[in-house]
Amino acid sequence: MEQLARFPKRDYESAARSLREGMAEMFTLQRLKLPPSLYKCLATTNLIESPQSGVARRTADAKYWRDQKSVERWVASAWSLTENRFRNISNISGHRDLWALATILGRKTETEIWQEKVA
């Protein structure tokens, strides 16, 4: 990655800087050693890009913003409308392995929490 970041440095210094800035986080999923089904689900930028494109589509027609509050209202409204199109995590491949992510991150699973309540 360092070699890749050096490549655009001369002509695109800000791109090289961005690559270096995110380098530590770039391979987080690989270091976590997630199950393949969960890795496939989380290793894409779809979770970020899909909502962003929905907001962009819904705010594209607004050309002039009166003030900061009107921008915030438009974006909040667009997020709300976009949210209706989100898929439930249970429909995503790998959702059955979310317990593994919780375990890797050191969080208790629902089963462990339930068992503590019962005990």
PDB file of N, CA and C in Angstrom:
ATOM      1  N   MET A   1       0.828  -1.191   0.000  1.00  0.00           N
ATOM      2  CA  MET A   1       0.000   0.000   0.000  1.00  0.00           C
ATOM      3  C   MET A   1       0.869   1.251   0.000  1.00  0.00           C
ATOM      4  N   GLU A   2       1.982   1.163   0.702  1.00  0.00           N
ATOM      5  CA  GLU A   2       2.885   2.319   0.733  1.00  0.00           C
ATOM      6  C   GLU A   2       3.389   2.636  -0.673  1.00  0.00           C
ATOM      7  N   GLN A   3       3.713   1.604  -1.447  1.00  0.00           N
ATOM      8  CA  GLN A   3       4.141   1.817  -2.837  1.00  0.00           C
ATOM      9  C   GLN A   3       3.017   2.449  -3.648  1.00  0.00           C
ATOM     10  N   LEU A   4       1.813   1.984  -3.425  1.00  0.00           N
ATOM     11  CA  LEU A   4       0.664   2.537  -4.132  1.00  0.00           C
ATOM     12  C   LEU A   4       0.465   4.004  -3.767  1.00  0.00           C
ATOM     13  N   ALA A   5       0.670   4.348  -2.506  1.00  0.00           N
ATOM     14  CA  ALA A   5       0.519   5.736  -2.065  1.00  0.00           C
ATOM     15  C   ALA A   5       1.615   6.629  -2.644  1.00  0.00           C
ATOM     16  N   ARG A   6       2.786   6.071  -2.919  1.00  0.00           N
ATOM     17  CA  ARG A   6       3.878   6.854  -3.506  1.00  0.00           C
ATOM     18  C   ARG A   6       3.610   7.179  -4.973  1.00  0.00           C
ATOM     19  N   PHE A   7       2.890   6.294  -5.651  1.00  0.00           N
ATOM     20  CA  PHE A   7       2.654   6.463  -7.089  1.00  0.00           C
ATOM     21  C   PHE A   7       1.978   7.798  -7.424  1.00  0.00           C
ATOM     22  N   PRO A   8       0.863   8.158  -6.786  1.00  0.00           N
ATOM     23  CA  PRO A   8       0.204   9.409  -7.178  1.00  0.00           C
ATOM     24  C   PRO A   8       0.766  10.657  -6.488  1.00  0.00           C
ATOM     25  N   LYS A   9       1.782  10.486  -5.635  1.00  0.00           N
ATOM     26  CA  LYS A   9       2.245  11.595  -4.805  1.00  0.00           C
ATOM     27  C   LYS A   9       2.633  12.833  -5.611  1.00  0.00           C
ATOM     28  N   ARG A  10       3.345  12.638  -6.693  1.00  0.00           N
ATOM     29  CA  ARG A  10       3.837  13.782  -7.466  1.00  0.00           C
ATOM     30  C   ARG A  10       2.681  14.580  -8.088  1.00  0.00           C
ATOM     31  N   ASP A  11       1.752  13.884  -8.725  1.00  0.00           N
ATOM     32  CA  ASP A  11       0.671  14.576  -9.430  1.00  0.00           C
ATOM     33  C   ASP A  11      -0.587  14.767  -8.584  1.00  0.00           C
ATOM     34  N   TYR A  12      -0.804  13.872  -7.642  1.00  0.00           N
ATOM     35  CA  TYR A  12      -2.039  13.898  -6.856  1.00  0.00           C
ATOM     36  C   TYR A  12      -1.713  13.750  -5.369  1.00  0.00           C
ATOM     37  N   GLU A  13      -1.095  14.763  -4.829  1.00  0.00           N
ATOM     38  CA  GLU A  13      -0.625  14.673  -3.451  1.00  0.00           C
ATOM     39  C   GLU A  13      -1.758  14.431  -2.458  1.00  0.00           C
ATOM     40  N   SER A  14      -2.921  15.040  -2.694  1.00  0.00           N
ATOM     41  CA  SER A  14      -4.027  14.845  -1.743  1.00  0.00           C
ATOM     42  C   SER A  14      -4.531  13.400  -1.779  1.00  0.00           C
ATOM     43  N   ALA A  15      -4.498  12.766  -2.950  1.00  0.00           N
ATOM     44  CA  ALA A  15      -4.911  11.360  -3.045  1.00  0.00           C
ATOM     45  C   ALA A  15      -3.932  10.478  -2.287  1.00  0.00           C
ATOM     46  N   ALA A  16      -2.646  10.750  -2.440  1.00  0.00           N
ATOM     47  CA  ALA A  16      -1.627   9.968  -1.722  1.00  0.00           C
ATOM     48  C   ALA A  16      -1.776  10.158  -0.222  1.00  0.00           C
ATOM     49  N   ARG A  17      -2.042  11.390   0.191  1.00  0.00           N
ATOM     50  CA  ARG A  17      -2.230  11.678   1.614  1.00  0.00           C
ATOM     51  C   ARG A  17      -3.445  10.919   2.163  1.00  0.00           C
ATOM     52  N   SER A  18      -4.520  10.880   1.394  1.00  0.00           N
ATOM     53  CA  SER A  18      -5.726  10.151   1.824  1.00  0.00           C
ATOM     54  C   SER A  18      -5.456   8.662   1.967  1.00  0.00           C
ATOM     55  N   LEU A  19      -4.706   8.101   1.014  1.00  0.00           N
ATOM     56  CA  LEU A  19      -4.350   6.685   1.096  1.00  0.00           C
ATOM     57  C   LEU A  19      -3.559   6.389   2.372  1.00  0.00           C
ATOM     58  N   ARG A  20      -2.576   7.229   2.641  1.00  0.00           N
ATOM     59  CA  ARG A  20      -1.756   7.020   3.842  1.00  0.00           C
ATOM     60  C   ARG A  20      -2.579   7.189   5.113  1.00  0.00           C
ATOM     61  N   GLU A  21      -3.464   8.145   5.097  1.00  0.00           N
ATOM     62  CA  GLU A  21      -4.280   8.438   6.284  1.00  0.00           C
ATOM     63  C   GLU A  21      -5.140   7.246   6.685  1.00  0.00           C
ATOM     64  N   GLY A  22      -5.686   6.556   5.709  1.00  0.00           N
ATOM     65  CA  GLY A  22      -6.578   5.440   6.007  1.00  0.00           C
ATOM     66  C   GLY A  22      -5.905   4.081   5.999  1.00  0.00           C
ATOM     67  N   MET A  23      -4.596   4.056   5.841  1.00  0.00           N
ATOM     68  CA  MET A  23      -3.898   2.781   5.692  1.00  0.00           C
ATOM     69  C   MET A  23      -4.066   1.864   6.906  1.00  0.00           C
ATOM     70  N   ALA A  24      -4.026   2.402   8.102  1.00  0.00           N
ATOM     71  CA  ALA A  24      -4.135   1.567   9.303  1.00  0.00           C
ATOM     72  C   ALA A  24      -5.493   0.865   9.378  1.00  0.00           C
ATOM     73  N   GLU A  25      -6.537   1.564   8.946  1.00  0.00           N
ATOM     74  CA  GLU A  25      -7.879   0.993   9.019  1.00  0.00           C
ATOM     75  C   GLU A  25      -8.233   0.139   7.806  1.00  0.00           C
ATOM     76  N   MET A  26      -7.442   0.260   6.757  1.00  0.00           N
ATOM     77  CA  MET A  26      -7.769  -0.383   5.490  1.00  0.00           C
ATOM     78  C   MET A  26      -7.891  -1.906   5.589  1.00  0.00           C
ATOM     79  N   PHE A  27      -7.131  -2.514   6.463  1.00  0.00           N
ATOM     80  CA  PHE A  27      -7.111  -3.970   6.523  1.00  0.00           C
ATOM     81  C   PHE A  27      -7.695  -4.510   7.829  1.00  0.00           C
ATOM     82  N   THR A  28      -8.496  -3.720   8.504  1.00  0.00           N
ATOM     83  CA  THR A  28      -9.079  -4.115   9.782  1.00  0.00           C
ATOM     84  C   THR A  28      -9.861  -5.418   9.669  1.00  0.00           C
ATOM     85  N   LEU A  29     -10.697  -5.542   8.658  1.00  0.00           N
ATOM     86  CA  LEU A  29     -11.509  -6.756   8.519  1.00  0.00           C
ATOM     87  C   LEU A  29     -10.639  -7.993   8.324  1.00  0.00           C
ATOM     88  N   GLN A  30      -9.546  -7.843   7.609  1.00  0.00           N
ATOM     89  CA  GLN A  30      -8.654  -8.994   7.408  1.00  0.00           C
ATOM     90  C   GLN A  30      -7.983  -9.396   8.717  1.00  0.00           C
ATOM     91  N   ARG A  31      -7.616  -8.405   9.531  1.00  0.00           N
ATOM     92  CA  ARG A  31      -6.974  -8.715  10.817  1.00  0.00           C
ATOM     93  C   ARG A  31      -7.942  -9.379  11.782  1.00  0.00           C
ATOM     94  N   LEU A  32      -9.233  -9.103  11.643  1.00  0.00           N
ATOM     95  CA  LEU A  32     -10.222  -9.681  12.552  1.00  0.00           C
ATOM     96  C   LEU A  32     -10.473 -11.156  12.281  1.00  0.00           C
ATOM     97  N   LYS A  33     -10.096 -11.620  11.097  1.00  0.00           N
ATOM     98  CA  LYS A  33     -10.300 -13.022  10.707  1.00  0.00           C
ATOM     99  C   LYS A  33     -11.775 -13.436  10.849  1.00  0.00           C
ATOM    100  N   LEU A  34     -12.621 -12.698  10.175  1.00  0.00           N
ATOM    101  CA  LEU A  34     -14.057 -12.966  10.191  1.00  0.00           C
ATOM    102  C   LEU A  34     -14.396 -14.193   9.351  1.00  0.00           C
ATOM    103  N   PRO A  35     -15.528 -14.821   9.635  1.00  0.00           N
ATOM    104  CA  PRO A  35     -15.994 -15.905   8.756  1.00  0.00           C
ATOM    105  C   PRO A  35     -16.185 -15.355   7.336  1.00  0.00           C
ATOM    106  N   PRO A  36     -15.906 -16.153   6.318  1.00  0.00           N
ATOM    107  CA  PRO A  36     -15.995 -15.667   4.933  1.00  0.00           C
ATOM    108  C   PRO A  36     -17.333 -15.026   4.576  1.00  0.00           C
ATOM    109  N   SER A  37     -18.437 -15.584   5.059  1.00  0.00           N
ATOM    110  CA  SER A  37     -19.743 -15.010   4.709  1.00  0.00           C
ATOM    111  C   SER A  37     -19.918 -13.608   5.288  1.00  0.00           C
ATOM    112  N   LEU A  38     -19.430 -13.391   6.493  1.00  0.00           N
ATOM    113  CA  LEU A  38     -19.534 -12.087   7.129  1.00  0.00           C
ATOM    114  C   LEU A  38     -18.533 -11.106   6.512  1.00  0.00           C
ATOM    115  N   TYR A  39     -17.357 -11.598   6.187  1.00  0.00           N
ATOM    116  CA  TYR A  39     -16.349 -10.765   5.547  1.00  0.00           C
ATOM    117  C   TYR A  39     -16.883 -10.227   4.222  1.00  0.00           C
ATOM    118  N   LYS A  40     -17.522 -11.089   3.455  1.00  0.00           N
ATOM    119  CA  LYS A  40     -18.058 -10.686   2.151  1.00  0.00           C
ATOM    120  C   LYS A  40     -19.085  -9.569   2.309  1.00  0.00           C
ATOM    121  N   CYS A  41     -19.890  -9.661   3.340  1.00  0.00           N
ATOM    122  CA  CYS A  41     -20.930  -8.664   3.601  1.00  0.00           C
ATOM    123  C   CYS A  41     -20.331  -7.330   4.036  1.00  0.00           C
ATOM    124  N   LEU A  42     -19.336  -7.368   4.924  1.00  0.00           N
ATOM    125  CA  LEU A  42     -18.804  -6.144   5.518  1.00  0.00           C
ATOM    126  C   LEU A  42     -17.628  -5.539   4.755  1.00  0.00           C
ATOM    127  N   ALA A  43     -17.039  -6.267   3.834  1.00  0.00           N
ATOM    128  CA  ALA A  43     -15.840  -5.789   3.137  1.00  0.00           C
ATOM    129  C   ALA A  43     -16.151  -4.883   1.953  1.00  0.00           C
ATOM    130  N   THR A  44     -17.388  -4.539   1.759  1.00  0.00           N
ATOM    131  CA  THR A  44     -17.742  -3.632   0.660  1.00  0.00           C
ATOM    132  C   THR A  44     -18.069  -2.264   1.231  1.00  0.00           C
ATOM    133  N   THR A  45     -18.125  -1.285   0.380  1.00  0.00           N
ATOM    134  CA  THR A  45     -18.518   0.053   0.807  1.00  0.00           C
ATOM    135  C   THR A  45     -20.011   0.287   0.578  1.00  0.00           C
ATOM    136  N   ASN A  46     -20.733  -0.768   0.217  1.00  0.00           N
ATOM    137  CA  ASN A  46     -22.165  -0.624  -0.063  1.00  0.00           C
ATOM    138  C   ASN A  46     -22.936  -0.065   1.125  1.00  0.00           C
ATOM    139  N   LEU A  47     -22.526  -0.432   2.341  1.00  0.00           N
ATOM    140  CA  LEU A  47     -23.226   0.049   3.531  1.00  0.00           C
ATOM    141  C   LEU A  47     -23.156   1.563   3.652  1.00  0.00           C
ATOM    142  N   ILE A  48     -22.144   2.154   3.075  1.00  0.00           N
ATOM    143  CA  ILE A  48     -21.983   3.606   3.115  1.00  0.00           C
ATOM    144  C   ILE A  48     -22.526   4.237   1.838  1.00  0.00           C
ATOM    145  N   GLU A  49     -22.171   3.661   0.700  1.00  0.00           N
ATOM    146  CA  GLU A  49     -22.516   4.266  -0.578  1.00  0.00           C
ATOM    147  C   GLU A  49     -24.003   4.240  -0.876  1.00  0.00           C
ATOM    148  N   SER A  50     -24.683   3.193  -0.502  1.00  0.00           N
ATOM    149  CA  SER A  50     -26.106   3.092  -0.812  1.00  0.00           C
ATOM    150  C   SER A  50     -26.920   4.204  -0.155  1.00  0.00           C
ATOM    151  N   PRO A  51     -26.797   4.412   1.153  1.00  0.00           N
ATOM    152  CA  PRO A  51     -27.545   5.524   1.752  1.00  0.00           C
ATOM    153  C   PRO A  51     -27.110   6.884   1.207  1.00  0.00           C
ATOM    154  N   GLN A  52     -25.810   7.056   0.966  1.00  0.00           N
ATOM    155  CA  GLN A  52     -25.334   8.339   0.452  1.00  0.00           C
ATOM    156  C   GLN A  52     -25.923   8.637  -0.923  1.00  0.00           C
ATOM    157  N   SER A  53     -25.998   7.622  -1.777  1.00  0.00           N
ATOM    158  CA  SER A  53     -26.561   7.854  -3.107  1.00  0.00           C
ATOM    159  C   SER A  53     -28.059   8.139  -3.021  1.00  0.00           C
ATOM    160  N   GLY A  54     -28.747   7.507  -2.068  1.00  0.00           N
ATOM    161  CA  GLY A  54     -30.170   7.794  -1.866  1.00  0.00           C
ATOM    162  C   GLY A  54     -30.393   9.237  -1.452  1.00  0.00           C
ATOM    163  N   VAL A  55     -29.567   9.739  -0.566  1.00  0.00           N
ATOM    164  CA  VAL A  55     -29.673  11.134  -0.130  1.00  0.00           C
ATOM    165  C   VAL A  55     -29.328  12.061  -1.291  1.00  0.00           C
ATOM    166  N   ALA A  56     -28.275  11.726  -2.024  1.00  0.00           N
ATOM    167  CA  ALA A  56     -27.873  12.565  -3.172  1.00  0.00           C
ATOM    168  C   ALA A  56     -28.992  12.648  -4.205  1.00  0.00           C
ATOM    169  N   ARG A  57     -29.635  11.502  -4.487  1.00  0.00           N
ATOM    170  CA  ARG A  57     -30.743  11.484  -5.455  1.00  0.00           C
ATOM    171  C   ARG A  57     -31.893  12.371  -4.995  1.00  0.00           C
ATOM    172  N   ARG A  58     -32.192  12.330  -3.709  1.00  0.00           N
ATOM    173  CA  ARG A  58     -33.344  13.058  -3.191  1.00  0.00           C
ATOM    174  C   ARG A  58     -33.072  14.547  -2.964  1.00  0.00           C
ATOM    175  N   THR A  59     -31.828  14.937  -2.931  1.00  0.00           N
ATOM    176  CA  THR A  59     -31.511  16.358  -2.742  1.00  0.00           C
ATOM    177  C   THR A  59     -30.980  17.010  -4.010  1.00  0.00           C
ATOM    178  N   ALA A  60     -30.892  16.265  -5.088  1.00  0.00           N
ATOM    179  CA  ALA A  60     -30.302  16.777  -6.333  1.00  0.00           C
ATOM    180  C   ALA A  60     -31.080  17.951  -6.908  1.00  0.00           C
ATOM    181  N   ASP A  61     -32.386  17.969  -6.735  1.00  0.00           N
ATOM    182  CA  ASP A  61     -33.198  19.026  -7.334  1.00  0.00           C
ATOM    183  C   ASP A  61     -33.142  20.344  -6.557  1.00  0.00           C
ATOM    184  N   ALA A  62     -32.693  20.297  -5.335  1.00  0.00           N
ATOM    185  CA  ALA A  62     -32.600  21.526  -4.538  1.00  0.00           C
ATOM    186  C   ALA A  62     -31.354  22.285  -4.976  1.00  0.00           C
ATOM    187  N   LYS A  63     -31.558  23.435  -5.582  1.00  0.00           N
ATOM    188  CA  LYS A  63     -30.437  24.206  -6.112  1.00  0.00           C
ATOM    189  C   LYS A  63     -29.983  25.308  -5.160  1.00  0.00           C
ATOM    190  N   TYR A  64     -30.920  25.904  -4.473  1.00  0.00           N
ATOM    191  CA  TYR A  64     -30.591  27.020  -3.594  1.00  0.00           C
ATOM    192  C   TYR A  64     -31.082  26.721  -2.189  1.00  0.00           C
ATOM    193  N   TRP A  65     -30.175  26.798  -1.266  1.00  0.00           N
ATOM    194  CA  TRP A  65     -30.518  26.559   0.126  1.00  0.00           C
ATOM    195  C   TRP A  65     -30.668  27.908   0.812  1.00  0.00           C
ATOM    196  N   ARG A  66     -31.760  28.078   1.567  1.00  0.00           N
ATOM    197  CA  ARG A  66     -31.967  29.352   2.256  1.00  0.00           C
ATOM    198  C   ARG A  66     -30.933  29.570   3.348  1.00  0.00           C
ATOM    199  N   ASP A  67     -30.728  28.544   4.152  1.00  0.00           N
ATOM    200  CA  ASP A  67     -29.793  28.656   5.270  1.00  0.00           C
ATOM    201  C   ASP A  67     -29.397  27.253   5.725  1.00  0.00           C
ATOM    202  N   GLN A  68     -28.568  27.174   6.743  1.00  0.00           N
ATOM    203  CA  GLN A  68     -28.078  25.897   7.256  1.00  0.00           C
ATOM    204  C   GLN A  68     -29.230  25.007   7.723  1.00  0.00           C
ATOM    205  N   LYS A  69     -30.224  25.590   8.357  1.00  0.00           N
ATOM    206  CA  LYS A  69     -31.369  24.804   8.855  1.00  0.00           C
ATOM    207  C   LYS A  69     -32.131  24.145   7.714  1.00  0.00           C
ATOM    208  N   SER A  70     -32.274  24.841   6.597  1.00  0.00           N
ATOM    209  CA  SER A  70     -33.006  24.231   5.468  1.00  0.00           C
ATOM    210  C   SER A  70     -32.201  23.072   4.881  1.00  0.00           C
ATOM    211  N   VAL A  71     -30.879  23.204   4.843  1.00  0.00           N
ATOM    212  CA  VAL A  71     -30.032  22.104   4.368  1.00  0.00           C
ATOM    213  C   VAL A  71     -30.223  20.902   5.284  1.00  0.00           C
ATOM    214  N   GLU A  72     -30.179  21.142   6.588  1.00  0.00           N
ATOM    215  CA  GLU A  72     -30.341  20.049   7.559  1.00  0.00           C
ATOM    216  C   GLU A  72     -31.704  19.379   7.420  1.00  0.00           C
ATOM    217  N   ARG A  73     -32.756  20.165   7.196  1.00  0.00           N
ATOM    218  CA  ARG A  73     -34.090  19.572   7.028  1.00  0.00           C
ATOM    219  C   ARG A  73     -34.165  18.713   5.770  1.00  0.00           C
ATOM    220  N   TRP A  74     -33.615  19.221   4.655  1.00  0.00           N
ATOM    221  CA  TRP A  74     -33.630  18.463   3.410  1.00  0.00           C
ATOM    222  C   TRP A  74     -32.884  17.142   3.570  1.00  0.00           C
ATOM    223  N   VAL A  75     -31.700  17.202   4.153  1.00  0.00           N
ATOM    224  CA  VAL A  75     -30.887  15.999   4.303  1.00  0.00           C
ATOM    225  C   VAL A  75     -31.559  15.022   5.260  1.00  0.00           C
ATOM    226  N   ALA A  76     -32.119  15.518   6.368  1.00  0.00           N
ATOM    227  CA  ALA A  76     -32.809  14.641   7.314  1.00  0.00           C
ATOM    228  C   ALA A  76     -34.011  13.974   6.648  1.00  0.00           C
ATOM    229  N   SER A  77     -34.733  14.737   5.870  1.00  0.00           N
ATOM    230  CA  SER A  77     -35.885  14.185   5.158  1.00  0.00           C
ATOM    231  C   SER A  77     -35.431  13.133   4.132  1.00  0.00           C
ATOM    232  N   ALA A  78     -34.362  13.430   3.417  1.00  0.00           N
ATOM    233  CA  ALA A  78     -33.843  12.479   2.421  1.00  0.00           C
ATOM    234  C   ALA A  78     -33.363  11.206   3.100  1.00  0.00           C
ATOM    235  N   TRP A  79     -32.694  11.321   4.245  1.00  0.00           N
ATOM    236  CA  TRP A  79     -32.247  10.133   4.981  1.00  0.00           C
ATOM    237  C   TRP A  79     -33.439   9.307   5.421  1.00  0.00           C
ATOM    238  N   SER A  80     -34.478  10.000   5.897  1.00  0.00           N
ATOM    239  CA  SER A  80     -35.673   9.288   6.359  1.00  0.00           C
ATOM    240  C   SER A  80     -36.318   8.506   5.216  1.00  0.00           C
ATOM    241  N   LEU A  81     -36.439   9.131   4.053  1.00  0.00           N
ATOM    242  CA  LEU A  81     -37.014   8.442   2.891  1.00  0.00           C
ATOM    243  C   LEU A  81     -36.109   7.303   2.415  1.00  0.00           C
ATOM    244  N   THR A  82     -34.815   7.527   2.459  1.00  0.00           N
ATOM    245  CA  THR A  82     -33.851   6.507   2.035  1.00  0.00           C
ATOM    246  C   THR A  82     -33.877   5.320   2.988  1.00  0.00           C
ATOM    247  N   GLU A  83     -34.060   5.598   4.262  1.00  0.00           N
ATOM    248  CA  GLU A  83     -34.071   4.542   5.277  1.00  0.00           C
ATOM    249  C   GLU A  83     -35.150   3.497   5.000  1.00  0.00           C
ATOM    250  N   ASN A  84     -36.254   3.915   4.421  1.00  0.00           N
ATOM    251  CA  ASN A  84     -37.331   2.972   4.092  1.00  0.00           C
ATOM    252  C   ASN A  84     -36.887   1.914   3.091  1.00  0.00           C
ATOM    253  N   ARG A  85     -35.823   2.195   2.356  1.00  0.00           N
ATOM    254  CA  ARG A  85     -35.330   1.258   1.343  1.00  0.00           C
ATOM    255  C   ARG A  85     -34.225   0.347   1.870  1.00  0.00           C
ATOM    256  N   PHE A  86     -33.778   0.583   3.108  1.00  0.00           N
ATOM    257  CA  PHE A  86     -32.712  -0.248   3.669  1.00  0.00           C
ATOM    258  C   PHE A  86     -33.197  -1.675   3.819  1.00  0.00           C
ATOM    259  N   ARG A  87     -32.295  -2.607   3.592  1.00  0.00           N
ATOM    260  CA  ARG A  87     -32.613  -4.012   3.810  1.00  0.00           C
ATOM    261  C   ARG A  87     -32.287  -4.362   5.247  1.00  0.00           C
ATOM    262  N   ASN A  88     -33.089  -5.216   5.808  1.00  0.00           N
ATOM    263  CA  ASN A  88     -32.843  -5.710   7.148  1.00  0.00           C
ATOM    264  C   ASN A  88     -31.574  -6.560   7.130  1.00  0.00           C
ATOM    265  N   ILE A  89     -30.797  -6.470   8.186  1.00  0.00           N
ATOM    266  CA  ILE A  89     -29.537  -7.235   8.244  1.00  0.00           C
ATOM    267  C   ILE A  89     -29.796  -8.736   8.085  1.00  0.00           C
ATOM    268  N   SER A  90     -30.970  -9.198   8.470  1.00  0.00           N
ATOM    269  CA  SER A  90     -31.259 -10.627   8.353  1.00  0.00           C
ATOM    270  C   SER A  90     -31.415 -11.075   6.896  1.00  0.00           C
ATOM    271  N   ASN A  91     -31.534 -10.115   5.988  1.00  0.00           N
ATOM    272  CA  ASN A  91     -31.623 -10.454   4.567  1.00  0.00           C
ATOM    273  C   ASN A  91     -30.258 -10.460   3.887  1.00  0.00           C
ATOM    274  N   ILE A  92     -29.246 -10.066   4.616  1.00  0.00           N
ATOM    275  CA  ILE A  92     -27.913  -9.964   4.049  1.00  0.00           C
ATOM    276  C   ILE A  92     -27.146 -11.255   4.301  1.00  0.00           C
ATOM    277  N   SER A  93     -26.458 -11.703   3.281  1.00  0.00           N
ATOM    278  CA  SER A  93     -25.652 -12.905   3.421  1.00  0.00           C
ATOM    279  C   SER A  93     -24.649 -12.716   4.556  1.00  0.00           C
ATOM    280  N   GLY A  94     -24.549 -13.682   5.424  1.00  0.00           N
ATOM    281  CA  GLY A  94     -23.590 -13.613   6.517  1.00  0.00           C
ATOM    282  C   GLY A  94     -24.178 -13.149   7.834  1.00  0.00           C
ATOM    283  N   HIS A  95     -25.475 -12.811   7.851  1.00  0.00           N
ATOM    284  CA  HIS A  95     -26.064 -12.283   9.086  1.00  0.00           C
ATOM    285  C   HIS A  95     -26.040 -13.303  10.227  1.00  0.00           C
ATOM    286  N   ARG A  96     -26.028 -14.574   9.895  1.00  0.00           N
ATOM    287  CA  ARG A  96     -26.007 -15.600  10.946  1.00  0.00           C
ATOM    288  C   ARG A  96     -24.660 -15.664  11.669  1.00  0.00           C
ATOM    289  N   ASP A  97     -23.650 -15.041  11.092  1.00  0.00           N
ATOM    290  CA  ASP A  97     -22.326 -15.045  11.698  1.00  0.00           C
ATOM    291  C   ASP A  97     -22.010 -13.761  12.467  1.00  0.00           C
ATOM    292  N   LEU A  98     -23.003 -12.901  12.668  1.00  0.00           N
ATOM    293  CA  LEU A  98     -22.760 -11.662  13.404  1.00  0.00           C
ATOM    294  C   LEU A  98     -22.297 -11.938  14.836  1.00  0.00           C
ATOM    295  N   TRP A  99     -22.682 -13.076  15.393  1.00  0.00           N
ATOM    296  CA  TRP A  99     -22.226 -13.433  16.740  1.00  0.00           C
ATOM    297  C   TRP A  99     -20.701 -13.501  16.782  1.00  0.00           C
ATOM    298  N   ALA A 100     -20.101 -13.948  15.660  1.00  0.00           N
ATOM    299  CA  ALA A 100     -18.639 -14.063  15.608  1.00  0.00           C
ATOM    300  C   ALA A 100     -17.999 -12.677  15.702  1.00  0.00           C
ATOM    301  N   LEU A 101     -18.587 -11.700  15.038  1.00  0.00           N
ATOM    302  CA  LEU A 101     -18.068 -10.340  15.111  1.00  0.00           C
ATOM    303  C   LEU A 101     -18.174  -9.817  16.543  1.00  0.00           C
ATOM    304  N   ALA A 102     -19.301 -10.060  17.179  1.00  0.00           N
ATOM    305  CA  ALA A 102     -19.468  -9.622  18.575  1.00  0.00           C
ATOM    306  C   ALA A 102     -18.422 -10.278  19.474  1.00  0.00           C
ATOM    307  N   THR A 103     -18.178 -11.538  19.264  1.00  0.00           N
ATOM    308  CA  THR A 103     -17.189 -12.259  20.071  1.00  0.00           C
ATOM    309  C   THR A 103     -15.783 -11.709  19.831  1.00  0.00           C
ATOM    310  N   ILE A 104     -15.433 -11.499  18.566  1.00  0.00           N
ATOM    311  CA  ILE A 104     -14.116 -10.974  18.211  1.00  0.00           C
ATOM    312  C   ILE A 104     -13.912  -9.591  18.829  1.00  0.00           C
ATOM    313  N   LEU A 105     -14.965  -8.788  18.839  1.00  0.00           N
ATOM    314  CA  LEU A 105     -14.869  -7.440  19.391  1.00  0.00           C
ATOM    315  C   LEU A 105     -14.977  -7.422  20.914  1.00  0.00           C
ATOM    316  N   GLY A 106     -15.203  -8.600  21.505  1.00  0.00           N
ATOM    317  CA  GLY A 106     -15.266  -8.683  22.957  1.00  0.00           C
ATOM    318  C   GLY A 106     -16.605  -8.294  23.538  1.00  0.00           C
ATOM    319  N   ARG A 107     -17.625  -8.318  22.719  1.00  0.00           N
ATOM    320  CA  ARG A 107     -18.964  -7.976  23.196  1.00  0.00           C
ATOM    321  C   ARG A 107     -19.740  -9.244  23.477  1.00  0.00           C
ATOM    322  N   LYS A 108     -20.676  -9.132  24.368  1.00  0.00           N
ATOM    323  CA  LYS A 108     -21.509 -10.284  24.698  1.00  0.00           C
ATOM    324  C   LYS A 108     -22.563 -10.477  23.621  1.00  0.00           C
ATOM    325  N   THR A 109     -22.842 -11.731  23.327  1.00  0.00           N
ATOM    326  CA  THR A 109     -23.891 -12.042  22.362  1.00  0.00           C
ATOM    327  C   THR A 109     -25.230 -12.004  23.078  1.00  0.00           C
ATOM    328  N   GLU A 110     -26.310 -11.985  22.311  1.00  0.00           N
ATOM    329  CA  GLU A 110     -27.649 -11.976  22.913  1.00  0.00           C
ATOM    330  C   GLU A 110     -27.857 -13.189  23.806  1.00  0.00           C
ATOM    331  N   THR A 111     -27.335 -14.324  23.399  1.00  0.00           N
ATOM    332  CA  THR A 111     -27.480 -15.552  24.191  1.00  0.00           C
ATOM    333  C   THR A 111     -26.792 -15.390  25.545  1.00  0.00           C
ATOM    334  N   GLU A 112     -25.583 -14.823  25.551  1.00  0.00           N
ATOM    335  CA  GLU A 112     -24.863 -14.626  26.814  1.00  0.00           C
ATOM    336  C   GLU A 112     -25.598 -13.657  27.721  1.00  0.00           C
ATOM    337  N   ILE A 113     -26.129 -12.598  27.155  1.00  0.00           N
ATOM    338  CA  ILE A 113     -26.880 -11.616  27.943  1.00  0.00           C
ATOM    339  C   ILE A 113     -28.118 -12.277  28.524  1.00  0.00           C
ATOM    340  N   TRP A 114     -28.816 -13.053  27.690  1.00  0.00           N
ATOM    341  CA  TRP A 114     -30.034 -13.732  28.145  1.00  0.00           C
ATOM    342  C   TRP A 114     -29.697 -14.720  29.260  1.00  0.00           C
ATOM    343  N   GLN A 115     -28.600 -15.465  29.116  1.00  0.00           N
ATOM    344  CA  GLN A 115     -28.202 -16.431  30.118  1.00  0.00           C
ATOM    345  C   GLN A 115     -27.868 -15.757  31.450  1.00  0.00           C
ATOM    346  N   GLU A 116     -27.267 -14.566  31.400  1.00  0.00           N
ATOM    347  CA  GLU A 116     -26.974 -13.834  32.618  1.00  0.00           C
ATOM    348  C   GLU A 116     -28.251 -13.387  33.323  1.00  0.00           C
ATOM    349  N   LYS A 117     -29.247 -12.989  32.546  1.00  0.00           N
ATOM    350  CA  LYS A 117     -30.514 -12.548  33.127  1.00  0.00           C
ATOM    351  C   LYS A 117     -31.246 -13.711  33.805  1.00  0.00           C
ATOM    352  N   VAL A 118     -31.165 -14.877  33.170  1.00  0.00           N
ATOM    353  CA  VAL A 118     -31.860 -16.052  33.700  1.00  0.00           C
ATOM    354  C   VAL A 118     -31.168 -16.565  34.968  1.00  0.00           C
ATOM    355  N   ALA A 119     -29.845 -16.491  34.990  1.00  0.00           N
ATOM    356  CA  ALA A 119     -29.070 -17.040  36.118  1.00  0.00           C
ATOM    357  C   ALA A 119     -29.220 -16.246  37.398  1.00  0.00           C
TER     358      ALA A 119
END
